[in-house]
Protein backbone atom coordinates (compact mmCIF):
# COMPACT_ATOMS: atom_id res chain seq x y z
CA MET A 1 22.18 182.07 152.86
CA ILE A 2 22.94 182.14 149.11
CA GLN A 3 26.46 183.25 148.24
CA GLN A 4 26.94 185.95 145.61
CA ALA A 5 28.65 183.55 143.21
CA ASP A 6 25.60 181.29 143.34
CA ILE A 7 23.30 184.20 142.40
CA PHE A 8 25.17 185.03 139.21
CA GLN A 9 26.16 181.53 138.11
CA PRO A 10 22.85 180.74 136.32
CA LEU A 11 23.00 184.08 134.46
CA THR A 12 26.56 183.37 133.31
CA HIS A 13 25.59 179.87 132.24
CA ASN A 14 22.56 181.10 130.31
CA GLY A 15 24.63 183.82 128.64
CA ALA A 16 27.26 181.31 127.54
CA PHE A 17 24.55 178.97 126.26
CA SER A 18 22.99 181.75 124.17
CA GLU A 19 26.37 182.76 122.71
CA LEU A 20 27.19 179.17 121.82
CA CYS A 21 23.80 178.67 120.17
CA THR A 22 24.18 181.85 118.12
CA ALA A 23 27.65 180.87 116.89
CA LEU A 24 26.53 177.33 116.05
CA TYR A 25 23.40 178.53 114.25
CA GLU A 26 25.43 180.92 112.09
CA ARG A 27 27.98 178.23 111.30
CA GLU A 28 25.43 175.57 110.37
CA LEU A 29 23.30 177.93 108.25
CA ASP A 30 26.40 179.04 106.36
CA HIS A 31 27.29 175.37 105.81
CA LEU A 32 23.81 174.59 104.48
CA ALA A 33 23.86 177.67 102.24
CA HIS A 34 26.95 176.31 100.46
CA ALA A 35 26.01 172.61 100.51
CA GLN A 36 24.87 170.73 97.41
CA VAL A 37 21.09 170.45 97.57
CA HIS A 38 19.62 167.28 96.06
CA SER A 39 16.02 168.10 96.95
CA ALA A 40 14.06 170.88 98.62
CA GLN A 41 12.50 168.35 100.99
CA GLY A 42 15.91 167.14 102.11
CA LEU A 43 17.02 170.69 102.83
CA GLN A 44 13.79 171.37 104.75
CA ARG A 45 14.34 168.30 106.93
CA ARG A 46 17.90 169.39 107.69
CA LEU A 47 16.76 172.92 108.56
CA GLN A 48 14.06 171.57 110.85
CA SER A 49 16.62 169.52 112.77
CA VAL A 50 19.10 172.39 113.23
CA PRO A 51 17.54 173.90 116.41
CA HIS A 52 17.57 170.54 118.19
CA TYR A 53 21.19 169.72 117.35
CA VAL A 54 22.44 173.24 118.02
CA LYS A 55 20.92 173.30 121.51
CA GLN A 56 22.20 169.79 122.19
CA ALA A 57 25.73 170.74 121.10
CA ALA A 58 25.75 173.96 123.15
CA ARG A 59 24.52 172.19 126.27
CA ARG A 60 27.07 169.40 125.92
CA MET A 61 29.93 171.85 125.30
CA LEU A 62 29.15 173.59 128.58
CA GLU A 63 28.86 170.32 130.51
CA LEU A 64 31.86 168.50 129.03
CA PRO A 65 34.48 167.92 131.79
CA ILE A 66 37.70 168.60 129.85
CA GLN A 67 40.70 170.82 130.54
CA LEU A 68 40.38 172.98 127.42
CA GLY A 69 39.40 176.62 127.16
CA LEU A 70 35.94 177.29 125.72
CA ASP A 71 35.38 180.32 123.51
CA GLU A 72 31.60 180.78 123.72
CA GLN A 73 31.42 183.53 121.08
CA ASN A 74 33.04 181.31 118.45
CA ALA A 75 31.80 177.95 119.79
CA SER A 76 35.33 176.56 119.83
CA TRP A 77 37.79 174.94 122.23
CA GLN A 78 41.21 176.48 122.84
CA ALA A 79 44.56 174.92 123.84
CA PRO A 80 48.27 175.27 122.97
CA GLN A 81 49.17 173.67 119.64
CA LYS A 82 51.96 171.15 119.06
CA ALA A 83 54.80 172.16 116.74
CA LYS A 84 53.87 169.43 114.23
CA LEU A 85 51.54 166.51 113.65
CA THR A 86 53.14 163.06 113.70
CA VAL A 87 51.92 159.46 113.88
CA THR A 88 54.56 157.09 115.28
CA GLU A 89 54.92 153.32 115.22
CA ALA A 90 54.33 153.27 118.97
CA MET A 91 51.00 155.04 118.46
CA GLN A 92 49.99 152.46 115.86
CA LYS A 93 50.74 149.62 118.30
CA ARG A 94 48.69 151.34 121.02
CA LEU A 95 45.80 151.68 118.56
CA GLU A 96 45.92 147.95 117.76
CA LYS A 97 45.56 147.10 121.46
CA TRP A 98 42.79 149.68 121.82
CA CYS A 99 40.85 148.27 118.86
CA VAL A 100 41.00 144.72 120.21
CA LYS A 101 39.89 145.65 123.73
CA GLN A 102 37.77 148.82 123.47
CA ALA A 103 36.44 149.42 119.94
CA LYS A 104 32.63 149.62 119.96
CA LEU A 105 30.00 150.78 117.51
CA GLY A 106 29.25 154.49 117.81
CA LEU A 107 32.51 155.48 119.47
CA ALA A 108 34.19 158.60 118.09
CA LEU A 109 37.88 158.47 117.16
CA PRO A 110 40.48 160.96 115.87
CA VAL A 111 41.71 160.62 112.28
CA CYS A 112 44.93 162.34 111.23
CA ASP A 113 44.99 163.85 107.76
CA LEU A 114 48.68 163.83 106.83
CA SER A 115 48.28 165.58 103.49
CA PRO A 116 51.54 167.36 102.53
CA THR A 117 49.72 170.66 101.93
CA LEU A 118 47.56 170.91 105.07
CA GLN A 119 47.44 168.56 108.04
CA CYS A 120 44.83 168.28 110.77
CA VAL A 121 42.98 165.84 113.05
CA ARG A 122 39.29 165.15 112.42
CA LEU A 123 36.68 163.15 114.31
CA ASP A 124 34.60 160.28 112.95
CA SER A 125 32.59 157.44 114.47
CA ILE A 126 32.77 153.63 114.19
CA ASP A 127 29.82 152.07 112.38
CA ARG A 128 31.23 148.60 111.59
CA ILE A 129 33.82 146.31 113.17
CA ASP A 130 35.35 143.25 111.49
CA SER A 131 37.37 141.59 114.24
CA ALA A 132 38.25 138.59 112.07
CA GLN A 133 39.85 140.82 109.43
CA ARG A 134 41.19 143.20 112.11
CA LYS A 135 39.62 146.26 110.57
CA LEU A 136 36.87 148.78 111.31
CA HIS A 137 34.72 151.15 109.29
CA LEU A 138 34.19 154.83 110.06
CA ASN A 139 31.02 156.60 109.04
CA GLN A 140 32.73 159.24 106.89
CA PHE A 141 36.25 158.03 106.15
CA GLY A 142 35.69 154.33 105.46
CA TRP A 143 37.80 151.26 106.34
CA PHE A 144 40.98 151.24 108.47
CA ASP A 145 43.00 148.31 109.74
CA PHE A 146 43.64 148.00 113.45
CA SER A 147 47.06 149.66 113.08
CA GLY A 148 45.40 152.81 111.70
CA VAL A 149 46.21 152.47 107.99
CA CYS A 150 43.37 153.64 105.74
CA LEU A 151 42.20 150.91 103.36
CA GLU A 152 40.48 153.35 100.99
CA SER A 153 42.73 153.90 97.97
CA GLU A 154 41.75 157.55 97.54
CA SER A 155 42.48 158.39 101.21
CA SER A 156 45.96 156.98 101.77
CA GLN A 157 47.00 160.14 103.63
CA LEU A 158 44.62 159.35 106.50
CA ARG A 159 45.72 157.59 109.71
CA LEU A 160 43.39 156.42 112.45
CA VAL A 161 44.76 156.95 115.99
CA SER A 162 43.57 156.00 119.45
CA PRO A 163 41.75 158.63 121.56
CA GLU A 164 44.79 160.00 123.42
CA LYS A 165 44.89 163.49 124.94
CA ASN A 166 47.24 165.09 122.43
CA MET A 167 45.25 163.91 119.41
CA LEU A 168 41.90 164.74 120.98
CA THR A 169 43.17 168.22 121.86
CA ALA A 170 44.21 168.82 118.25
CA ALA A 171 40.86 167.52 116.97
CA PHE A 172 38.73 169.50 119.44
CA CYS A 173 40.64 172.75 118.81
CA GLY A 174 40.83 172.39 115.03
CA HIS A 175 44.62 172.63 114.99
CA GLN A 176 46.21 172.67 111.53
CA TRP A 177 49.72 172.56 110.10
CA ASN A 178 51.17 173.39 106.69
CA HIS A 179 54.71 173.15 105.28
CA ARG A 180 55.76 176.10 107.46
CA GLY A 181 54.38 174.67 110.70
CA ARG A 182 51.36 175.83 112.72
CA THR A 183 48.62 177.66 110.85
CA GLU A 184 45.15 179.04 111.58
CA PRO A 185 42.81 176.51 113.24
CA ARG A 186 39.86 175.23 111.29
CA THR A 187 36.25 175.53 112.43
CA LEU A 188 34.64 172.28 113.55
CA SER A 189 31.37 171.28 111.94
CA LEU A 190 28.27 170.78 114.08
CA ARG A 191 28.61 167.03 113.48
CA GLU A 192 32.18 167.02 114.82
CA ILE A 193 31.19 169.01 117.89
CA LEU A 194 28.42 166.53 118.64
CA LEU A 195 30.88 163.66 118.21
CA ALA A 196 33.44 165.44 120.42
CA THR A 197 30.96 165.79 123.25
CA THR A 198 30.39 162.02 123.34
CA ILE A 199 34.07 161.24 123.98
CA LYS A 200 35.16 160.23 127.44
CA TRP A 201 38.31 162.28 127.97
CA PRO A 202 41.31 160.18 129.06
CA GLY A 203 42.21 160.49 132.73
């Protein structure tokens, strides 16, 4: 005998999937509408890939086993926000150990933007590792040493941190801070959502 909850579960799942896809489509199309276009062919290729990545992101968001609220209508995760964003010396030491033992190509990591005007945590992925020089390269933000210091002169406000729950929560939920404290969360890009859904949440 099928229980009532089992009858409605697929409908709920499909409804959430559709809402997520709609929100992600709208977000990505708005992003492309304001992006710098270098060629019509490049824009066409990006548009052609949108359906695939939107469906992939929506499916992964529904399947991701994390203890965060999921707002399907806005395609965003929800959780309480810390009073402020800080990177401590202890966190830097933990990152060094993590880099030596666990850093691998393709892994996504949180990056703290400690700009004095607006602070947040973003996600980026490792695309190069130089163990001899004790540094790694992120796809978007460039080189960092194993203690998290950014080696790009124009991005000195950035700090790489290990994938710990508090930093991942801030990154997933788009938490932001200004000089007054907490402020409105930012909207994650489709790329960040796809990166987020590859992260193995700490136990």
